[in-house]
Amino acid sequence: MGEIVRYKRDVWGEEVILGVSWDLLWVVAVAVLVLLAAHAIIMAALANKKIEKASSEGRRVLRHETIDRLFHWVMAASILVLIATGTAPILGLRIAWLNIHWIAGLLLTFVVVFHIIRSLFWQDFKSMILGPKDFGEPFDSSKKPGKYTFEQKGMHWAVTVVVLAVIVTGVLLFLQIDTPFWDRTNSMPEDQLGLMFLLHGLSTLALIALAATHIYFALRPEKLFYTRSMVSGWISEDEMTANHDTSLWSPKEAD
């Protein structure tokens, strides 16, 4: 564990956790770059075997409501700000990062809570459930998904777990610092504080890997119509029928 966890001596001389070893940041960065580069090379080699790209012309169907697109971009912006401000000191950048960091964290917490409530009561929550049959989808081209693909569901749940870990540990750490709302209390014992820093750091590293992977796939040529739908809200009927099972997902026509 020495390469993952940093330790220190407390006032009693006992060894306690200080936090995550930030050498892992470079390990994660290199690993993600290598894996995504390998995927890009493989996809380029198989490009001549791809079917003809579906047309974006013609009738349009609604994929994402305006409120959901707004949520996505606010969440994305807050995560990128959190990553940038959280890693800035590690990279040696001297900026007044702490206030920006916790403000972005509170914004992320708010939009995530909002999204959870909306998904449970106003959206089709079942469309995002990852079931056993979904795992065969990547290996059988005849199987088309409903609204969300296996990869999209997997990314959603991975991000959900990691973001909730970032939020919970971040809020507990936020309670320990000076803010406009309260003064620093130092109420958390050193060993528990170190554990929170460790868990917050590990979840941050996982979030960096997921964010990089998500951005990569969002920019893949064959996935750009999904990215466009997160801006405009729609995909074409041809794109829908080419990539989705219309018996499992029958969206309304876009305005």
C-alpha atoms as a PDB file:
ATOM      1  CA  MET A   1       0.000   0.000   0.000  1.00  0.00           C
ATOM      2  CA  GLY A   2       3.023   2.288   0.297  1.00  0.00           C
ATOM      3  CA  GLU A   3       2.821   3.299  -3.355  1.00  0.00           C
ATOM      4  CA  ILE A   4      -0.879   4.163  -3.138  1.00  0.00           C
ATOM      5  CA  VAL A   5      -1.198   5.724   0.313  1.00  0.00           C
ATOM      6  CA  ARG A   6       0.817   8.502   1.959  1.00  0.00           C
ATOM      7  CA  TYR A   7       1.315   8.343   5.727  1.00  0.00           C
ATOM      8  CA  LYS A   8       2.402  10.746   8.456  1.00  0.00           C
ATOM      9  CA  ARG A   9       2.951  10.746  12.214  1.00  0.00           C
ATOM     10  CA  ASP A  10       0.213  12.323  14.336  1.00  0.00           C
ATOM     11  CA  VAL A  11       0.794  14.328  17.518  1.00  0.00           C
ATOM     12  CA  TRP A  12       1.023  11.051  19.451  1.00  0.00           C
ATOM     13  CA  GLY A  13       3.701   9.695  17.137  1.00  0.00           C
ATOM     14  CA  GLU A  14       1.377   7.126  15.598  1.00  0.00           C
ATOM     15  CA  GLU A  15       1.342   6.510  11.859  1.00  0.00           C
ATOM     16  CA  VAL A  16      -1.901   7.684  10.226  1.00  0.00           C
ATOM     17  CA  ILE A  17      -3.082   8.055   6.650  1.00  0.00           C
ATOM     18  CA  LEU A  18      -2.297  11.401   5.057  1.00  0.00           C
ATOM     19  CA  GLY A  19      -3.973  10.765   1.702  1.00  0.00           C
ATOM     20  CA  VAL A  20      -3.459   9.225  -1.702  1.00  0.00           C
ATOM     21  CA  SER A  21      -0.045   9.155  -3.347  1.00  0.00           C
ATOM     22  CA  TRP A  22      -0.324  11.615  -6.206  1.00  0.00           C
ATOM     23  CA  ASP A  23       2.287   9.671  -8.182  1.00  0.00           C
ATOM     24  CA  LEU A  24      -0.788   7.691  -9.208  1.00  0.00           C
ATOM     25  CA  LEU A  25      -1.968  10.697 -11.213  1.00  0.00           C
ATOM     26  CA  TRP A  26       0.748  10.037 -13.769  1.00  0.00           C
ATOM     27  CA  VAL A  27       0.055   6.301 -13.733  1.00  0.00           C
ATOM     28  CA  VAL A  28      -3.613   6.944 -14.477  1.00  0.00           C
ATOM     29  CA  ALA A  29      -2.796   9.518 -17.169  1.00  0.00           C
ATOM     30  CA  VAL A  30      -0.388   7.199 -19.007  1.00  0.00           C
ATOM     31  CA  ALA A  31      -2.681   4.165 -18.678  1.00  0.00           C
ATOM     32  CA  VAL A  32      -5.687   6.065 -20.064  1.00  0.00           C
ATOM     33  CA  LEU A  33      -3.661   7.512 -22.949  1.00  0.00           C
ATOM     34  CA  VAL A  34      -2.269   4.084 -23.889  1.00  0.00           C
ATOM     35  CA  LEU A  35      -5.668   2.363 -23.740  1.00  0.00           C
ATOM     36  CA  LEU A  36      -7.466   5.066 -25.721  1.00  0.00           C
ATOM     37  CA  ALA A  37      -4.666   5.209 -28.304  1.00  0.00           C
ATOM     38  CA  ALA A  38      -4.851   1.423 -28.675  1.00  0.00           C
ATOM     39  CA  HIS A  39      -8.611   1.636 -29.175  1.00  0.00           C
ATOM     40  CA  ALA A  40      -8.203   4.373 -31.797  1.00  0.00           C
ATOM     41  CA  ILE A  41      -5.631   2.286 -33.695  1.00  0.00           C
ATOM     42  CA  ILE A  42      -7.841  -0.821 -33.635  1.00  0.00           C
ATOM     43  CA  MET A  43     -10.891   1.141 -34.780  1.00  0.00           C
ATOM     44  CA  ALA A  44      -8.871   2.712 -37.602  1.00  0.00           C
ATOM     45  CA  ALA A  45      -7.721  -0.752 -38.723  1.00  0.00           C
ATOM     46  CA  LEU A  46     -11.312  -2.012 -38.763  1.00  0.00           C
ATOM     47  CA  ALA A  47     -12.721   1.116 -40.408  1.00  0.00           C
ATOM     48  CA  ASN A  48     -13.091  -0.547 -43.807  1.00  0.00           C
ATOM     49  CA  LYS A  49     -15.435  -3.110 -42.253  1.00  0.00           C
ATOM     50  CA  LYS A  50     -17.890  -0.560 -40.889  1.00  0.00           C
ATOM     51  CA  ILE A  51     -21.373  -0.265 -42.339  1.00  0.00           C
ATOM     52  CA  GLU A  52     -22.432   2.876 -44.122  1.00  0.00           C
ATOM     53  CA  LYS A  53     -23.003   5.793 -41.801  1.00  0.00           C
ATOM     54  CA  ALA A  54     -26.632   6.638 -41.096  1.00  0.00           C
ATOM     55  CA  SER A  55     -27.866   9.914 -42.540  1.00  0.00           C
ATOM     56  CA  SER A  56     -28.572  12.891 -40.309  1.00  0.00           C
ATOM     57  CA  GLU A  57     -31.123  14.198 -42.794  1.00  0.00           C
ATOM     58  CA  GLY A  58     -34.885  13.712 -42.717  1.00  0.00           C
ATOM     59  CA  ARG A  59     -37.288  13.362 -39.806  1.00  0.00           C
ATOM     60  CA  ARG A  60     -35.832  14.131 -36.389  1.00  0.00           C
ATOM     61  CA  VAL A  61     -36.668  12.467 -33.090  1.00  0.00           C
ATOM     62  CA  LEU A  62     -36.089  13.811 -29.591  1.00  0.00           C
ATOM     63  CA  ARG A  63     -33.323  12.135 -27.608  1.00  0.00           C
ATOM     64  CA  HIS A  64     -32.680  14.618 -24.786  1.00  0.00           C
ATOM     65  CA  GLU A  65     -34.982  17.217 -23.240  1.00  0.00           C
ATOM     66  CA  THR A  66     -33.599  20.729 -22.765  1.00  0.00           C
ATOM     67  CA  ILE A  67     -33.441  20.348 -18.988  1.00  0.00           C
ATOM     68  CA  ASP A  68     -31.415  17.133 -19.311  1.00  0.00           C
ATOM     69  CA  ARG A  69     -28.981  18.715 -21.732  1.00  0.00           C
ATOM     70  CA  LEU A  70     -28.537  21.641 -19.349  1.00  0.00           C
ATOM     71  CA  PHE A  71     -27.885  19.222 -16.480  1.00  0.00           C
ATOM     72  CA  HIS A  72     -25.284  17.362 -18.546  1.00  0.00           C
ATOM     73  CA  TRP A  73     -23.282  20.463 -19.435  1.00  0.00           C
ATOM     74  CA  VAL A  74     -23.445  21.994 -15.946  1.00  0.00           C
ATOM     75  CA  MET A  75     -22.294  18.679 -14.483  1.00  0.00           C
ATOM     76  CA  ALA A  76     -19.526  18.397 -17.084  1.00  0.00           C
ATOM     77  CA  ALA A  77     -18.313  21.945 -16.420  1.00  0.00           C
ATOM     78  CA  SER A  78     -18.310  21.469 -12.646  1.00  0.00           C
ATOM     79  CA  ILE A  79     -16.401  18.166 -12.928  1.00  0.00           C
ATOM     80  CA  LEU A  80     -13.764  19.708 -15.205  1.00  0.00           C
ATOM     81  CA  VAL A  81     -13.359  22.646 -12.809  1.00  0.00           C
ATOM     82  CA  LEU A  82     -13.047  20.243  -9.869  1.00  0.00           C
ATOM     83  CA  ILE A  83     -10.409  18.197 -11.687  1.00  0.00           C
ATOM     84  CA  ALA A  84      -8.483  21.299 -12.766  1.00  0.00           C
ATOM     85  CA  THR A  85      -8.508  22.944  -9.332  1.00  0.00           C
ATOM     86  CA  GLY A  86      -7.891  19.669  -7.503  1.00  0.00           C
ATOM     87  CA  THR A  87      -4.820  18.763  -9.557  1.00  0.00           C
ATOM     88  CA  ALA A  88      -3.417  22.294  -9.931  1.00  0.00           C
ATOM     89  CA  PRO A  89      -1.404  22.184  -6.667  1.00  0.00           C
ATOM     90  CA  ILE A  90      -0.097  18.718  -7.569  1.00  0.00           C
ATOM     91  CA  LEU A  91       1.105  20.011 -10.931  1.00  0.00           C
ATOM     92  CA  GLY A  92       2.773  22.967  -9.234  1.00  0.00           C
ATOM     93  CA  LEU A  93       0.348  25.619 -10.485  1.00  0.00           C
ATOM     94  CA  ARG A  94      -0.067  28.500  -8.067  1.00  0.00           C
ATOM     95  CA  ILE A  95      -3.707  29.563  -8.180  1.00  0.00           C
ATOM     96  CA  ALA A  96      -6.284  30.425  -5.539  1.00  0.00           C
ATOM     97  CA  TRP A  97      -7.951  27.082  -6.103  1.00  0.00           C
ATOM     98  CA  LEU A  98      -9.713  26.166  -2.850  1.00  0.00           C
ATOM     99  CA  ASN A  99     -12.724  28.505  -3.046  1.00  0.00           C
ATOM    100  CA  ILE A 100     -13.264  27.694  -6.732  1.00  0.00           C
ATOM    101  CA  HIS A 101     -12.999  24.007  -5.867  1.00  0.00           C
ATOM    102  CA  TRP A 102     -15.651  23.926  -3.155  1.00  0.00           C
ATOM    103  CA  ILE A 103     -18.028  26.175  -5.119  1.00  0.00           C
ATOM    104  CA  ALA A 104     -17.791  23.789  -8.082  1.00  0.00           C
ATOM    105  CA  GLY A 105     -18.288  20.900  -5.652  1.00  0.00           C
ATOM    106  CA  LEU A 106     -21.476  22.402  -4.234  1.00  0.00           C
ATOM    107  CA  LEU A 107     -22.752  23.038  -7.763  1.00  0.00           C
ATOM    108  CA  LEU A 108     -22.039  19.418  -8.712  1.00  0.00           C
ATOM    109  CA  THR A 109     -23.800  18.208  -5.562  1.00  0.00           C
ATOM    110  CA  PHE A 110     -26.876  20.299  -6.346  1.00  0.00           C
ATOM    111  CA  VAL A 111     -27.224  19.155  -9.961  1.00  0.00           C
ATOM    112  CA  VAL A 112     -26.616  15.498  -9.073  1.00  0.00           C
ATOM    113  CA  VAL A 113     -29.310  15.567  -6.365  1.00  0.00           C
ATOM    114  CA  PHE A 114     -31.623  17.292  -8.846  1.00  0.00           C
ATOM    115  CA  HIS A 115     -30.891  14.652 -11.486  1.00  0.00           C
ATOM    116  CA  ILE A 116     -31.482  11.750  -9.094  1.00  0.00           C
ATOM    117  CA  ILE A 117     -34.894  13.138  -8.129  1.00  0.00           C
ATOM    118  CA  ARG A 118     -35.801  13.837 -11.758  1.00  0.00           C
ATOM    119  CA  SER A 119     -34.672  10.391 -12.951  1.00  0.00           C
ATOM    120  CA  LEU A 120     -36.721   8.632 -10.271  1.00  0.00           C
ATOM    121  CA  PHE A 121     -39.974  10.541 -10.749  1.00  0.00           C
ATOM    122  CA  TRP A 122     -40.012  12.184 -14.192  1.00  0.00           C
ATOM    123  CA  GLN A 123     -37.837  10.014 -16.430  1.00  0.00           C
ATOM    124  CA  ASP A 124     -37.844   6.395 -17.574  1.00  0.00           C
ATOM    125  CA  PHE A 125     -35.399   5.109 -14.958  1.00  0.00           C
ATOM    126  CA  LYS A 126     -35.713   1.530 -16.250  1.00  0.00           C
ATOM    127  CA  SER A 127     -34.161   2.514 -19.572  1.00  0.00           C
ATOM    128  CA  MET A 128     -30.830   2.994 -17.789  1.00  0.00           C
ATOM    129  CA  ILE A 129     -30.872  -0.288 -15.824  1.00  0.00           C
ATOM    130  CA  LEU A 130     -27.982  -2.557 -16.817  1.00  0.00           C
ATOM    131  CA  GLY A 131     -29.317  -6.123 -17.033  1.00  0.00           C
ATOM    132  CA  PRO A 132     -27.651  -9.488 -17.839  1.00  0.00           C
ATOM    133  CA  LYS A 133     -28.889  -9.440 -21.446  1.00  0.00           C
ATOM    134  CA  ASP A 134     -27.110  -6.134 -22.061  1.00  0.00           C
ATOM    135  CA  PHE A 135     -23.702  -7.787 -21.655  1.00  0.00           C
ATOM    136  CA  GLY A 136     -24.153  -9.756 -24.882  1.00  0.00           C
ATOM    137  CA  GLU A 137     -24.837  -6.621 -26.916  1.00  0.00           C
ATOM    138  CA  PRO A 138     -21.212  -5.688 -27.747  1.00  0.00           C
ATOM    139  CA  PHE A 139     -20.588  -9.209 -29.110  1.00  0.00           C
ATOM    140  CA  ASP A 140     -23.719  -9.548 -31.245  1.00  0.00           C
ATOM    141  CA  SER A 141     -24.242  -6.937 -33.962  1.00  0.00           C
ATOM    142  CA  SER A 142     -27.821  -8.128 -34.473  1.00  0.00           C
ATOM    143  CA  LYS A 143     -28.763  -6.970 -30.975  1.00  0.00           C
ATOM    144  CA  LYS A 144     -29.771  -3.330 -30.900  1.00  0.00           C
ATOM    145  CA  PRO A 145     -30.330  -1.461 -27.635  1.00  0.00           C
ATOM    146  CA  GLY A 146     -33.241   0.609 -26.485  1.00  0.00           C
ATOM    147  CA  LYS A 147     -32.525   4.260 -25.799  1.00  0.00           C
ATOM    148  CA  TYR A 148     -29.120   3.598 -24.242  1.00  0.00           C
ATOM    149  CA  THR A 149     -26.372   1.228 -25.363  1.00  0.00           C
ATOM    150  CA  PHE A 150     -24.465  -1.154 -23.115  1.00  0.00           C
ATOM    151  CA  GLU A 151     -21.469   1.203 -23.154  1.00  0.00           C
ATOM    152  CA  GLN A 152     -23.617   4.227 -22.275  1.00  0.00           C
ATOM    153  CA  LYS A 153     -25.263   2.407 -19.384  1.00  0.00           C
ATOM    154  CA  GLY A 154     -21.907   1.162 -18.122  1.00  0.00           C
ATOM    155  CA  MET A 155     -20.395   4.644 -18.277  1.00  0.00           C
ATOM    156  CA  HIS A 156     -23.449   6.116 -16.546  1.00  0.00           C
ATOM    157  CA  TRP A 157     -23.244   3.742 -13.581  1.00  0.00           C
ATOM    158  CA  ALA A 158     -19.468   4.024 -13.290  1.00  0.00           C
ATOM    159  CA  VAL A 159     -19.737   7.817 -13.238  1.00  0.00           C
ATOM    160  CA  THR A 160     -22.624   7.602 -10.755  1.00  0.00           C
ATOM    161  CA  VAL A 161     -20.601   5.564  -8.244  1.00  0.00           C
ATOM    162  CA  VAL A 162     -17.458   7.664  -8.628  1.00  0.00           C
ATOM    163  CA  VAL A 163     -19.216  11.041  -8.536  1.00  0.00           C
ATOM    164  CA  LEU A 164     -21.185  10.058  -5.423  1.00  0.00           C
ATOM    165  CA  ALA A 165     -17.903   9.016  -3.775  1.00  0.00           C
ATOM    166  CA  VAL A 166     -16.360  12.364  -4.741  1.00  0.00           C
ATOM    167  CA  ILE A 167     -19.394  14.257  -3.415  1.00  0.00           C
ATOM    168  CA  VAL A 168     -19.719  12.415  -0.086  1.00  0.00           C
ATOM    169  CA  THR A 169     -16.017  12.627   0.758  1.00  0.00           C
ATOM    170  CA  GLY A 170     -15.848  16.184  -0.586  1.00  0.00           C
ATOM    171  CA  VAL A 171     -18.729  17.361   1.578  1.00  0.00           C
ATOM    172  CA  LEU A 172     -17.167  15.785   4.679  1.00  0.00           C
ATOM    173  CA  LEU A 173     -13.890  17.560   3.908  1.00  0.00           C
ATOM    174  CA  PHE A 174     -15.739  20.787   3.123  1.00  0.00           C
ATOM    175  CA  LEU A 175     -17.158  20.773   6.655  1.00  0.00           C
ATOM    176  CA  GLN A 176     -13.590  20.955   8.007  1.00  0.00           C
ATOM    177  CA  ILE A 177     -12.491  24.199   6.290  1.00  0.00           C
ATOM    178  CA  ASP A 178     -13.198  27.907   6.702  1.00  0.00           C
ATOM    179  CA  THR A 179     -16.109  29.060   4.567  1.00  0.00           C
ATOM    180  CA  PRO A 180     -18.490  32.034   4.449  1.00  0.00           C
ATOM    181  CA  PHE A 181     -20.952  29.793   6.310  1.00  0.00           C
ATOM    182  CA  TRP A 182     -18.843  28.592   9.255  1.00  0.00           C
ATOM    183  CA  ASP A 183     -15.356  28.685  10.775  1.00  0.00           C
ATOM    184  CA  ARG A 184     -12.967  25.765  10.656  1.00  0.00           C
ATOM    185  CA  THR A 185     -13.624  23.367  13.513  1.00  0.00           C
ATOM    186  CA  ASN A 186     -10.951  20.637  13.152  1.00  0.00           C
ATOM    187  CA  SER A 187     -13.654  18.310  14.470  1.00  0.00           C
ATOM    188  CA  MET A 188     -12.566  15.234  12.514  1.00  0.00           C
ATOM    189  CA  PRO A 189      -9.780  13.094  14.052  1.00  0.00           C
ATOM    190  CA  GLU A 190      -6.555  12.933  12.026  1.00  0.00           C
ATOM    191  CA  ASP A 191      -6.946   9.257  11.125  1.00  0.00           C
ATOM    192  CA  GLN A 192     -10.487   9.811   9.816  1.00  0.00           C
ATOM    193  CA  LEU A 193      -9.437  12.991   8.004  1.00  0.00           C
ATOM    194  CA  GLY A 194      -6.622  11.118   6.296  1.00  0.00           C
ATOM    195  CA  LEU A 195      -9.027   8.365   5.262  1.00  0.00           C
ATOM    196  CA  MET A 196     -11.366  10.967   3.738  1.00  0.00           C
ATOM    197  CA  PHE A 197      -8.446  12.494   1.815  1.00  0.00           C
ATOM    198  CA  LEU A 198      -7.474   9.020   0.611  1.00  0.00           C
ATOM    199  CA  LEU A 199     -10.976   8.130  -0.585  1.00  0.00           C
ATOM    200  CA  HIS A 200     -11.452  11.579  -2.115  1.00  0.00           C
ATOM    201  CA  GLY A 201      -8.137  11.277  -3.935  1.00  0.00           C
ATOM    202  CA  LEU A 202      -8.839   7.774  -5.245  1.00  0.00           C
ATOM    203  CA  SER A 203     -12.296   8.759  -6.469  1.00  0.00           C
ATOM    204  CA  THR A 204     -10.763  11.842  -8.098  1.00  0.00           C
ATOM    205  CA  LEU A 205      -8.280   9.667 -10.001  1.00  0.00           C
ATOM    206  CA  ALA A 206     -11.129   7.413 -11.138  1.00  0.00           C
ATOM    207  CA  LEU A 207     -13.115  10.489 -12.194  1.00  0.00           C
ATOM    208  CA  ILE A 208     -10.175  11.738 -14.286  1.00  0.00           C
ATOM    209  CA  ALA A 209      -9.988   8.393 -16.089  1.00  0.00           C
ATOM    210  CA  LEU A 210     -13.748   8.325 -16.705  1.00  0.00           C
ATOM    211  CA  ALA A 211     -13.857  11.946 -17.891  1.00  0.00           C
ATOM    212  CA  ALA A 212     -11.029  11.347 -20.367  1.00  0.00           C
ATOM    213  CA  THR A 213     -12.692   8.171 -21.641  1.00  0.00           C
ATOM    214  CA  HIS A 214     -16.062   9.889 -21.982  1.00  0.00           C
ATOM    215  CA  ILE A 215     -14.578  12.814 -23.918  1.00  0.00           C
ATOM    216  CA  TYR A 216     -12.704  10.429 -26.217  1.00  0.00           C
ATOM    217  CA  PHE A 217     -15.804   8.426 -27.120  1.00  0.00           C
ATOM    218  CA  ALA A 218     -17.919  11.564 -27.454  1.00  0.00           C
ATOM    219  CA  LEU A 219     -15.498  12.726 -30.166  1.00  0.00           C
ATOM    220  CA  ARG A 220     -15.355   9.398 -32.023  1.00  0.00           C
ATOM    221  CA  PRO A 221     -16.716   9.895 -35.584  1.00  0.00           C
ATOM    222  CA  GLU A 222     -19.278   7.086 -35.209  1.00  0.00           C
ATOM    223  CA  LYS A 223     -20.518   8.584 -31.906  1.00  0.00           C
ATOM    224  CA  LEU A 224     -20.735  12.231 -32.916  1.00  0.00           C
ATOM    225  CA  PHE A 225     -24.479  12.038 -33.548  1.00  0.00           C
ATOM    226  CA  TYR A 226     -24.939  11.248 -29.839  1.00  0.00           C
ATOM    227  CA  THR A 227     -22.792  14.247 -28.921  1.00  0.00           C
ATOM    228  CA  ARG A 228     -24.812  16.412 -31.299  1.00  0.00           C
ATOM    229  CA  SER A 229     -27.996  15.261 -29.570  1.00  0.00           C
ATOM    230  CA  MET A 230     -26.590  16.473 -26.260  1.00  0.00           C
ATOM    231  CA  VAL A 231     -26.345  19.927 -27.836  1.00  0.00           C
ATOM    232  CA  SER A 232     -29.391  20.054 -30.101  1.00  0.00           C
ATOM    233  CA  GLY A 233     -31.550  17.396 -28.453  1.00  0.00           C
ATOM    234  CA  TRP A 234     -32.275  15.345 -31.581  1.00  0.00           C
ATOM    235  CA  ILE A 235     -31.030  12.520 -33.748  1.00  0.00           C
ATOM    236  CA  SER A 236     -32.411  11.641 -37.160  1.00  0.00           C
ATOM    237  CA  GLU A 237     -34.888   8.826 -37.657  1.00  0.00           C
ATOM    238  CA  ASP A 238     -32.300   7.082 -39.841  1.00  0.00           C
ATOM    239  CA  GLU A 239     -29.720   7.275 -37.018  1.00  0.00           C
ATOM    240  CA  MET A 240     -32.291   5.924 -34.584  1.00  0.00           C
ATOM    241  CA  THR A 241     -33.294   2.917 -36.689  1.00  0.00           C
ATOM    242  CA  ALA A 242     -29.671   2.137 -37.588  1.00  0.00           C
ATOM    243  CA  ASN A 243     -28.521   2.069 -33.963  1.00  0.00           C
ATOM    244  CA  HIS A 244     -31.565   1.327 -31.799  1.00  0.00           C
ATOM    245  CA  ASP A 245     -34.391  -1.160 -31.443  1.00  0.00           C
ATOM    246  CA  THR A 246     -37.523   0.890 -32.080  1.00  0.00           C
ATOM    247  CA  SER A 247     -39.623  -1.644 -30.187  1.00  0.00           C
ATOM    248  CA  LEU A 248     -37.633  -0.754 -27.061  1.00  0.00           C
ATOM    249  CA  TRP A 249     -37.380   2.990 -27.701  1.00  0.00           C
ATOM    250  CA  SER A 250     -39.953   5.005 -29.621  1.00  0.00           C
ATOM    251  CA  PRO A 251     -39.224   8.692 -29.012  1.00  0.00           C
ATOM    252  CA  LYS A 252     -41.467  11.550 -30.005  1.00  0.00           C
ATOM    253  CA  GLU A 253     -40.694  13.773 -32.954  1.00  0.00           C
ATOM    254  CA  ALA A 254     -38.330  16.665 -32.284  1.00  0.00           C
ATOM    255  CA  ASP A 255     -39.625  20.217 -32.683  1.00  0.00           C
END
